[in-house]
Amino acid sequence: MTPSPLWASAFRPFYLLGSLYAPLLAIAWLGAYLGHWQLPGALPLKLLHAHEFIFGFAAAIILGIVITALPSWARTEEIEGGRLTLLVALWLLGRIAFWTSSVLPAPLPAILDCLLYAAAIAMLAPQLAAAKNRFYLLLLPILAGLFVANLCYYHGAARGDADLAGQSLRGAIYTIVVLYVLKGGVLAPIFTGTALRETGRGEPPAFLMRLELAGFVALLTLAAWDLGGAPRLWTGGAALACTLLYGLRSARWQGWRVADVPLLLPMHLGFAWLLLAFALKAVADLTGALPEAAWLHAFTVGSLGMMMLGLMTRVSQRHTGRPLEMPPAMMVACGAMFLAAVLRVAAGVGAGGDPQVVQSQAIALATLLWAGAFVIYLGCYARVLVSPSLPRRVTSADF
């Protein structure tokens, strides 16, 4: 019997499930936010929402991107068939555990929802250890960081400790930021450089290891100080350093010169939102003029949302044998995501002076736009993800 195409590569089930979960999660949270119903669990609504955004929706998309990329870039074995089915089943089990956590014994939801990361580490560790490029081993502590953060969240939830749960989620966000700058810092300059050469616009600048290391150290310092409760002057200074260093890094890629390439524009806009997130964090901590949470929405909605849509489109096109181009509908989806980020950040920044009803309307509209972007993706690719690929050769440069 011919295996289903759905289990041929990680992006297929994880993109499908993540994009299905996005609007469901948005409806569940928005209804609770507007007071129409309550979500299970004793923690504040914002923590319940943040947990499923990170460990439900984002985890699915991130695993789909990373596991699909490794065979092309690190020359590892494809995770498919039964092993992929197991990972997807563990993701689903984690979602069931979260939504039924109020009726399950305290340790069980945490165990069930953390199995996914343990299984992913067990599958990937031997492959990455054998890879020639040791850079890819950094994926293992990132997965371990998500495992620990999720475990700590459930520990906080079991104790009714919102502070511990909140810090755990913040740690997970920083873990994703680290993955973002590492993986995006490889993909963005390579894809941009290819486009520059193909369009006759020149050569990309040389890779600067010192700049990469300086930015990475600044990011780790920011994360350590922020999670460790350091003075806001310290965290604000570290966020400012991240803004400057990653701003210089992004400027060297010359993304504005390929702004007319639809598949690259979301990636560079994602990095622009990342710079804004660091800048908002710096202003909030150094001056107190902005709510500190503004930077989180700039990253999660703007930066992560734009990057996800760009990479999901690229992978779905190339790895199913289709032309490496962005369908018009996905351009609309990217526009919706960008507007969602603008509204969500503006609602948070202006929360102190705007009437409550205006803020609620802006947040509701931002949520619907965010969810709508993934509904559009489903409309474009749901059938593609479950259908056989067209015959086409895939190379690492085409990921």
Protein backbone atom coordinates (compact mmCIF):
# COMPACT_ATOMS: atom_id res chain seq x y z
CA MET A 1 0.00 0.00 0.00
CA THR A 2 1.36 3.46 -0.93
CA PRO A 3 2.09 5.59 2.19
CA SER A 4 0.06 8.76 2.53
CA PRO A 5 1.89 11.88 1.29
CA LEU A 6 0.95 13.53 4.60
CA TRP A 7 3.67 11.55 6.39
CA ALA A 8 6.40 12.09 3.80
CA SER A 9 7.87 15.21 5.44
CA ALA A 10 7.41 17.06 8.72
CA PHE A 11 6.08 20.27 7.21
CA ARG A 12 2.97 18.54 5.88
CA PRO A 13 1.21 17.44 9.12
CA PHE A 14 2.68 20.16 11.33
CA TYR A 15 1.79 23.04 8.99
CA LEU A 16 -1.68 21.58 8.53
CA LEU A 17 -2.34 21.09 12.25
CA GLY A 18 -0.70 24.36 13.29
CA SER A 19 -2.76 26.34 10.77
CA LEU A 20 -5.95 24.55 11.82
CA TYR A 21 -5.18 25.21 15.48
CA ALA A 22 -4.47 28.92 14.95
CA PRO A 23 -8.06 30.05 14.25
CA LEU A 24 -9.47 27.67 16.86
CA LEU A 25 -7.09 29.07 19.45
CA ALA A 26 -7.92 32.62 18.39
CA ILE A 27 -11.67 32.01 18.77
CA ALA A 28 -11.23 30.32 22.15
CA TRP A 29 -9.08 33.16 23.50
CA LEU A 30 -11.11 36.00 21.98
CA GLY A 31 -14.37 34.64 23.33
CA ALA A 32 -12.86 34.39 26.80
CA TYR A 33 -11.28 37.86 26.48
CA LEU A 34 -14.66 39.37 25.57
CA GLY A 35 -16.33 37.56 28.45
CA HIS A 36 -18.43 35.06 26.49
CA TRP A 37 -16.92 32.00 28.21
CA GLN A 38 -14.07 30.88 30.42
CA LEU A 39 -11.05 28.78 29.57
CA PRO A 40 -10.10 25.87 31.86
CA GLY A 41 -7.42 26.43 34.44
CA ALA A 42 -6.85 28.68 37.44
CA LEU A 43 -4.16 30.88 35.89
CA PRO A 44 -4.89 34.30 34.32
CA LEU A 45 -6.26 34.22 30.78
CA LYS A 46 -3.15 35.83 29.29
CA LEU A 47 -1.00 32.94 30.54
CA LEU A 48 -3.35 30.27 29.20
CA HIS A 49 -3.39 32.05 25.85
CA ALA A 50 0.39 32.48 25.81
CA HIS A 51 1.00 28.82 26.63
CA GLU A 52 -1.01 27.51 23.71
CA PHE A 53 0.38 30.12 21.36
CA ILE A 54 3.89 28.93 22.20
CA PHE A 55 3.59 25.21 22.91
CA GLY A 56 0.56 24.51 20.74
CA PHE A 57 0.50 26.65 17.61
CA ALA A 58 4.10 27.92 17.39
CA ALA A 59 5.65 24.57 18.33
CA ALA A 60 3.87 22.86 15.43
CA ILE A 61 5.02 25.40 12.85
CA ILE A 62 8.57 25.57 14.23
CA LEU A 63 8.98 21.79 14.25
CA GLY A 64 7.61 21.65 10.71
CA ILE A 65 10.15 24.21 9.54
CA VAL A 66 13.18 22.87 11.40
CA ILE A 67 12.72 19.14 10.85
CA THR A 68 12.02 19.70 7.16
CA ALA A 69 15.13 21.84 6.74
CA LEU A 70 17.62 19.49 8.37
CA PRO A 71 17.91 16.86 5.58
CA SER A 72 18.68 19.60 3.02
CA TRP A 73 21.01 21.69 5.17
CA ALA A 74 22.59 19.26 7.64
CA ARG A 75 22.31 16.19 5.40
CA THR A 76 20.44 14.27 8.07
CA GLU A 77 17.97 11.46 7.50
CA GLU A 78 14.37 12.50 6.76
CA ILE A 79 12.03 11.96 9.70
CA GLU A 80 8.95 10.47 8.07
CA GLY A 81 6.46 7.67 8.33
CA GLY A 82 6.13 6.11 11.77
CA ARG A 83 8.54 8.45 13.54
CA LEU A 84 6.77 11.49 12.16
CA THR A 85 3.41 10.01 13.09
CA LEU A 86 4.67 9.60 16.65
CA LEU A 87 5.74 13.25 16.89
CA VAL A 88 2.39 14.43 15.57
CA ALA A 89 0.54 12.13 17.97
CA LEU A 90 2.54 13.55 20.88
CA TRP A 91 1.69 17.10 19.78
CA LEU A 92 -2.00 16.17 19.73
CA LEU A 93 -1.66 14.43 23.09
CA GLY A 94 -0.16 17.58 24.54
CA ARG A 95 -3.10 19.66 23.34
CA ILE A 96 -5.54 17.22 24.92
CA ALA A 97 -3.53 17.28 28.14
CA PHE A 98 -3.58 21.08 28.27
CA TRP A 99 -7.31 21.47 27.67
CA THR A 100 -8.16 18.73 30.18
CA SER A 101 -5.51 19.70 32.74
CA SER A 102 -8.12 20.88 35.26
CA VAL A 103 -9.50 17.34 35.59
CA LEU A 104 -6.23 15.39 35.39
CA PRO A 105 -3.84 14.65 38.30
CA ALA A 106 -1.22 17.39 38.60
CA PRO A 107 1.85 15.63 37.16
CA LEU A 108 0.06 14.02 34.21
CA PRO A 109 -0.61 17.07 31.97
CA ALA A 110 3.00 18.19 32.31
CA ILE A 111 4.34 14.75 31.43
CA LEU A 112 2.07 14.33 28.43
CA ASP A 113 2.71 17.82 27.04
CA CYS A 114 6.49 17.52 27.40
CA LEU A 115 6.85 14.16 25.66
CA LEU A 116 6.98 15.84 22.25
CA TYR A 117 10.25 17.65 23.01
CA ALA A 118 11.82 14.60 24.64
CA ALA A 119 10.94 12.50 21.58
CA ALA A 120 12.22 15.15 19.16
CA ILE A 121 15.54 15.35 21.04
CA ALA A 122 15.86 11.55 21.07
CA MET A 123 15.28 11.37 17.31
CA LEU A 124 17.45 14.31 16.30
CA ALA A 125 20.41 13.97 18.68
CA PRO A 126 22.09 11.00 16.93
CA GLN A 127 21.61 12.60 13.52
CA LEU A 128 22.96 16.00 14.55
CA ALA A 129 25.89 14.42 16.37
CA ALA A 130 26.91 12.81 13.07
CA ALA A 131 26.47 16.00 11.01
CA LYS A 132 29.66 17.62 9.72
CA ASN A 133 28.52 21.12 10.69
CA ARG A 134 28.45 21.28 14.49
CA PHE A 135 26.32 24.42 14.30
CA TYR A 136 23.20 22.27 14.07
CA LEU A 137 23.83 20.80 17.52
CA LEU A 138 22.54 24.12 18.91
CA LEU A 139 19.06 22.86 18.09
CA LEU A 140 19.28 20.36 20.95
CA PRO A 141 19.62 22.89 23.82
CA ILE A 142 16.86 24.93 22.19
CA LEU A 143 14.50 21.95 22.28
CA ALA A 144 15.67 21.23 25.83
CA GLY A 145 14.91 24.84 26.76
CA LEU A 146 11.35 24.48 25.51
CA PHE A 147 11.03 21.21 27.44
CA VAL A 148 12.17 22.83 30.70
CA ALA A 149 10.07 25.95 30.18
CA ASN A 150 6.94 23.88 29.58
CA LEU A 151 7.64 21.73 32.62
CA CYS A 152 8.10 24.82 34.80
CA TYR A 153 4.87 26.32 33.47
CA TYR A 154 2.89 23.27 34.54
CA HIS A 155 4.64 23.29 37.92
CA GLY A 156 3.56 26.89 38.37
CA ALA A 157 0.03 26.07 37.23
CA ALA A 158 -0.23 23.18 39.69
CA ARG A 159 0.83 25.49 42.54
CA GLY A 160 -1.32 28.38 41.37
CA ASP A 161 1.87 30.40 40.97
CA ALA A 162 1.20 32.84 38.13
CA ASP A 163 4.64 34.45 38.49
CA LEU A 164 6.46 31.16 37.93
CA ALA A 165 4.19 30.26 35.03
CA GLY A 166 4.71 33.68 33.47
CA GLN A 167 8.48 33.53 33.81
CA SER A 168 8.45 30.07 32.27
CA LEU A 169 6.57 31.36 29.24
CA ARG A 170 8.95 34.30 28.95
CA GLY A 171 11.83 31.83 28.99
CA ALA A 172 10.17 29.92 26.15
CA ILE A 173 9.82 33.14 24.15
CA TYR A 174 13.53 33.90 24.59
CA THR A 175 14.33 30.35 23.49
CA ILE A 176 12.33 30.91 20.30
CA VAL A 177 14.07 34.27 19.76
CA VAL A 178 17.42 32.49 19.94
CA LEU A 179 16.29 29.94 17.35
CA TYR A 180 14.88 32.79 15.24
CA VAL A 181 18.12 34.75 15.07
CA LEU A 182 20.21 31.62 14.48
CA LYS A 183 18.10 30.00 11.77
CA GLY A 184 16.89 33.25 10.25
CA GLY A 185 20.43 34.55 10.32
CA VAL A 186 21.40 31.70 8.01
CA LEU A 187 18.39 31.66 5.70
CA ALA A 188 17.88 35.40 5.17
CA PRO A 189 21.37 36.26 3.85
CA ILE A 190 21.58 33.11 1.71
CA PHE A 191 18.18 33.63 0.05
CA THR A 192 18.81 37.36 -0.31
CA GLY A 193 22.26 36.82 -1.77
CA THR A 194 20.83 34.35 -4.30
CA ALA A 195 18.18 36.87 -5.34
CA LEU A 196 20.76 39.66 -5.64
CA ARG A 197 22.91 37.56 -7.96
CA GLU A 198 19.97 36.29 -10.02
CA THR A 199 18.66 39.82 -10.60
CA GLY A 200 22.10 41.24 -11.35
CA ARG A 201 22.03 43.56 -8.35
CA GLY A 202 25.45 42.66 -7.00
CA GLU A 203 26.99 40.32 -4.47
CA PRO A 204 25.99 39.97 -0.82
CA PRO A 205 28.45 41.17 1.85
CA ALA A 206 30.81 38.73 3.52
CA PHE A 207 29.76 36.89 6.65
CA LEU A 208 31.06 38.59 9.81
CA MET A 209 31.51 36.06 12.60
CA ARG A 210 32.42 38.77 15.13
CA LEU A 211 29.14 40.57 14.49
CA GLU A 212 27.20 37.30 14.79
CA LEU A 213 28.90 36.46 18.08
CA ALA A 214 28.41 39.97 19.48
CA GLY A 215 24.70 39.87 18.69
CA PHE A 216 24.31 36.38 20.12
CA VAL A 217 26.09 37.32 23.36
CA ALA A 218 23.94 40.44 23.68
CA LEU A 219 20.78 38.36 23.22
CA LEU A 220 21.84 35.74 25.77
CA THR A 221 22.75 38.52 28.19
CA LEU A 222 19.33 40.15 27.74
CA ALA A 223 17.57 36.83 28.31
CA ALA A 224 19.63 35.97 31.39
CA TRP A 225 19.20 39.40 32.98
CA ASP A 226 15.50 39.64 32.18
CA LEU A 227 14.69 36.15 33.46
CA GLY A 228 16.95 36.66 36.48
CA GLY A 229 15.26 39.87 37.59
CA ALA A 230 18.20 42.20 36.95
CA PRO A 231 17.67 45.98 37.24
CA ARG A 232 15.72 47.44 34.34
CA LEU A 233 18.65 49.67 33.49
CA TRP A 234 20.66 46.53 32.72
CA THR A 235 17.96 44.82 30.67
CA GLY A 236 17.18 48.03 28.82
CA GLY A 237 20.85 48.47 27.96
CA ALA A 238 21.09 44.89 26.72
CA ALA A 239 17.94 45.36 24.61
CA LEU A 240 19.44 48.53 23.14
CA ALA A 241 22.63 46.63 22.30
CA CYS A 242 20.52 43.95 20.57
CA THR A 243 18.71 46.65 18.59
CA LEU A 244 21.96 48.15 17.34
CA LEU A 245 23.81 44.91 16.66
CA TYR A 246 20.94 43.12 14.92
CA GLY A 247 20.09 46.33 13.09
CA LEU A 248 23.61 46.41 11.65
CA ARG A 249 23.37 42.72 10.84
CA SER A 250 20.05 43.14 9.00
CA ALA A 251 21.25 46.24 7.14
CA ARG A 252 24.23 44.30 5.75
CA TRP A 253 21.81 41.83 4.10
CA GLN A 254 20.45 44.65 1.90
CA GLY A 255 16.90 43.40 2.09
CA TRP A 256 15.52 46.61 0.60
CA ARG A 257 17.17 45.70 -2.70
CA VAL A 258 14.97 42.59 -3.01
CA ALA A 259 11.78 44.13 -1.64
CA ASP A 260 10.12 43.33 -4.96
CA VAL A 261 10.67 39.59 -4.41
CA PRO A 262 7.45 38.46 -2.65
CA LEU A 263 8.96 35.40 -0.98
CA LEU A 264 11.76 37.44 0.61
CA LEU A 265 9.78 40.47 1.74
CA PRO A 266 8.00 38.72 4.68
CA MET A 267 11.36 37.43 5.93
CA HIS A 268 12.93 40.90 5.98
CA LEU A 269 9.79 42.45 7.46
CA GLY A 270 10.01 39.79 10.16
CA PHE A 271 13.50 40.97 11.05
CA ALA A 272 12.29 44.59 11.01
CA TRP A 273 9.67 43.63 13.58
CA LEU A 274 12.37 41.90 15.62
CA LEU A 275 14.36 45.15 15.72
CA LEU A 276 11.22 47.01 16.78
CA ALA A 277 10.66 44.44 19.52
CA PHE A 278 14.18 44.99 20.90
CA ALA A 279 13.71 48.77 20.64
CA LEU A 280 10.37 48.64 22.49
CA LYS A 281 11.98 46.55 25.22
CA ALA A 282 14.79 49.09 25.52
CA VAL A 283 12.44 52.07 25.74
CA ALA A 284 10.16 50.32 28.22
CA ASP A 285 12.98 49.34 30.56
CA LEU A 286 15.10 52.48 30.27
CA THR A 287 12.32 55.07 30.43
CA GLY A 288 9.15 53.37 31.62
CA ALA A 289 7.29 55.27 28.90
CA LEU A 290 5.87 52.10 27.32
CA PRO A 291 4.28 48.93 28.72
CA GLU A 292 6.92 46.23 28.91
CA ALA A 293 4.69 43.67 27.17
CA ALA A 294 4.68 45.65 23.92
CA TRP A 295 7.91 44.03 22.78
CA LEU A 296 6.43 40.56 23.22
CA HIS A 297 3.58 41.27 20.81
CA ALA A 298 5.95 42.92 18.33
CA PHE A 299 7.94 39.69 18.27
CA THR A 300 5.20 37.05 18.49
CA VAL A 301 2.70 38.65 16.10
CA GLY A 302 4.90 40.79 13.87
CA SER A 303 8.28 39.10 13.69
CA LEU A 304 7.34 35.46 14.20
CA GLY A 305 4.09 35.77 12.26
CA MET A 306 5.71 37.30 9.17
CA MET A 307 8.61 34.84 9.19
CA MET A 308 6.29 31.86 9.58
CA LEU A 309 4.09 32.84 6.65
CA GLY A 310 7.11 33.48 4.44
CA LEU A 311 8.83 30.20 5.23
CA MET A 312 5.62 28.16 5.22
CA THR A 313 4.86 29.43 1.73
CA ARG A 314 8.40 28.81 0.50
CA VAL A 315 8.57 25.28 1.90
CA SER A 316 5.06 24.36 0.76
CA GLN A 317 5.83 25.48 -2.78
CA ARG A 318 9.31 24.02 -3.17
CA HIS A 319 8.91 20.77 -1.26
CA THR A 320 5.78 19.82 -3.17
CA GLY A 321 7.44 20.46 -6.54
CA ARG A 322 5.76 23.77 -7.27
CA PRO A 323 7.38 26.97 -8.59
CA LEU A 324 9.26 29.01 -6.01
CA GLU A 325 6.82 31.91 -5.96
CA MET A 326 4.21 33.36 -3.63
CA PRO A 327 0.54 33.02 -4.60
CA PRO A 328 -1.41 36.31 -4.54
CA ALA A 329 -3.61 35.02 -1.72
CA MET A 330 -0.55 34.55 0.48
CA MET A 331 0.44 38.16 -0.17
CA VAL A 332 -2.95 39.07 1.28
CA ALA A 333 -2.23 36.79 4.25
CA CYS A 334 1.09 38.54 4.87
CA GLY A 335 -0.65 41.91 4.68
CA ALA A 336 -3.21 40.75 7.23
CA MET A 337 -0.44 39.57 9.56
CA PHE A 338 1.41 42.87 9.27
CA LEU A 339 -1.75 44.84 10.06
CA ALA A 340 -2.52 42.49 12.95
CA ALA A 341 0.90 43.25 14.44
CA VAL A 342 0.43 47.00 14.03
CA LEU A 343 -2.97 46.91 15.74
CA ARG A 344 -1.85 44.60 18.56
CA VAL A 345 1.24 46.63 19.41
CA ALA A 346 -0.66 49.92 19.10
CA ALA A 347 -3.41 48.63 21.39
CA GLY A 348 -0.83 47.66 24.01
CA VAL A 349 1.19 50.85 23.75
CA GLY A 350 -1.88 53.04 23.94
CA ALA A 351 -3.56 51.03 26.67
CA GLY A 352 -2.96 53.67 29.30
CA GLY A 353 -4.78 56.48 27.52
CA ASP A 354 -7.31 54.93 25.14
CA PRO A 355 -10.84 54.05 26.20
CA GLN A 356 -11.17 50.40 27.11
CA VAL A 357 -13.64 49.75 24.31
CA VAL A 358 -11.22 51.07 21.66
CA GLN A 359 -8.43 48.90 22.99
CA SER A 360 -10.69 45.83 23.05
CA GLN A 361 -11.82 46.45 19.49
CA ALA A 362 -8.24 46.83 18.28
CA ILE A 363 -7.18 43.63 20.01
CA ALA A 364 -10.19 41.74 18.66
CA LEU A 365 -9.53 42.93 15.11
CA ALA A 366 -5.83 42.08 15.41
CA THR A 367 -6.75 38.58 16.60
CA LEU A 368 -9.11 38.03 13.69
CA LEU A 369 -6.54 39.26 11.18
CA TRP A 370 -3.88 37.00 12.70
CA ALA A 371 -6.18 33.99 12.52
CA GLY A 372 -7.33 34.97 9.04
CA ALA A 373 -3.78 34.82 7.73
CA PHE A 374 -3.59 31.12 8.60
CA VAL A 375 -7.08 30.46 7.27
CA ILE A 376 -5.83 31.85 3.94
CA TYR A 377 -2.81 29.54 4.15
CA LEU A 378 -5.13 26.59 4.68
CA GLY A 379 -7.20 27.64 1.68
CA CYS A 380 -4.06 27.71 -0.46
CA TYR A 381 -2.28 24.62 0.81
CA ALA A 382 -4.53 22.22 2.74
CA ARG A 383 -5.06 20.03 -0.31
CA VAL A 384 -1.43 20.43 -1.37
CA LEU A 385 -0.18 19.15 1.99
CA VAL A 386 -2.11 15.89 1.72
CA SER A 387 -1.41 15.31 -1.99
CA PRO A 388 1.65 13.78 -3.69
CA SER A 389 4.41 16.17 -4.68
CA LEU A 390 4.92 17.15 -8.27
CA PRO A 391 8.22 15.91 -9.75
CA ARG A 392 10.87 18.50 -8.99
CA ARG A 393 14.41 18.42 -7.63
CA VAL A 394 14.90 20.00 -4.19
CA THR A 395 18.26 21.50 -3.16
CA SER A 396 19.45 23.15 0.04
CA ALA A 397 19.51 26.53 -1.69
CA ASP A 398 15.82 26.15 -2.48
CA PHE A 399 14.54 25.40 1.04
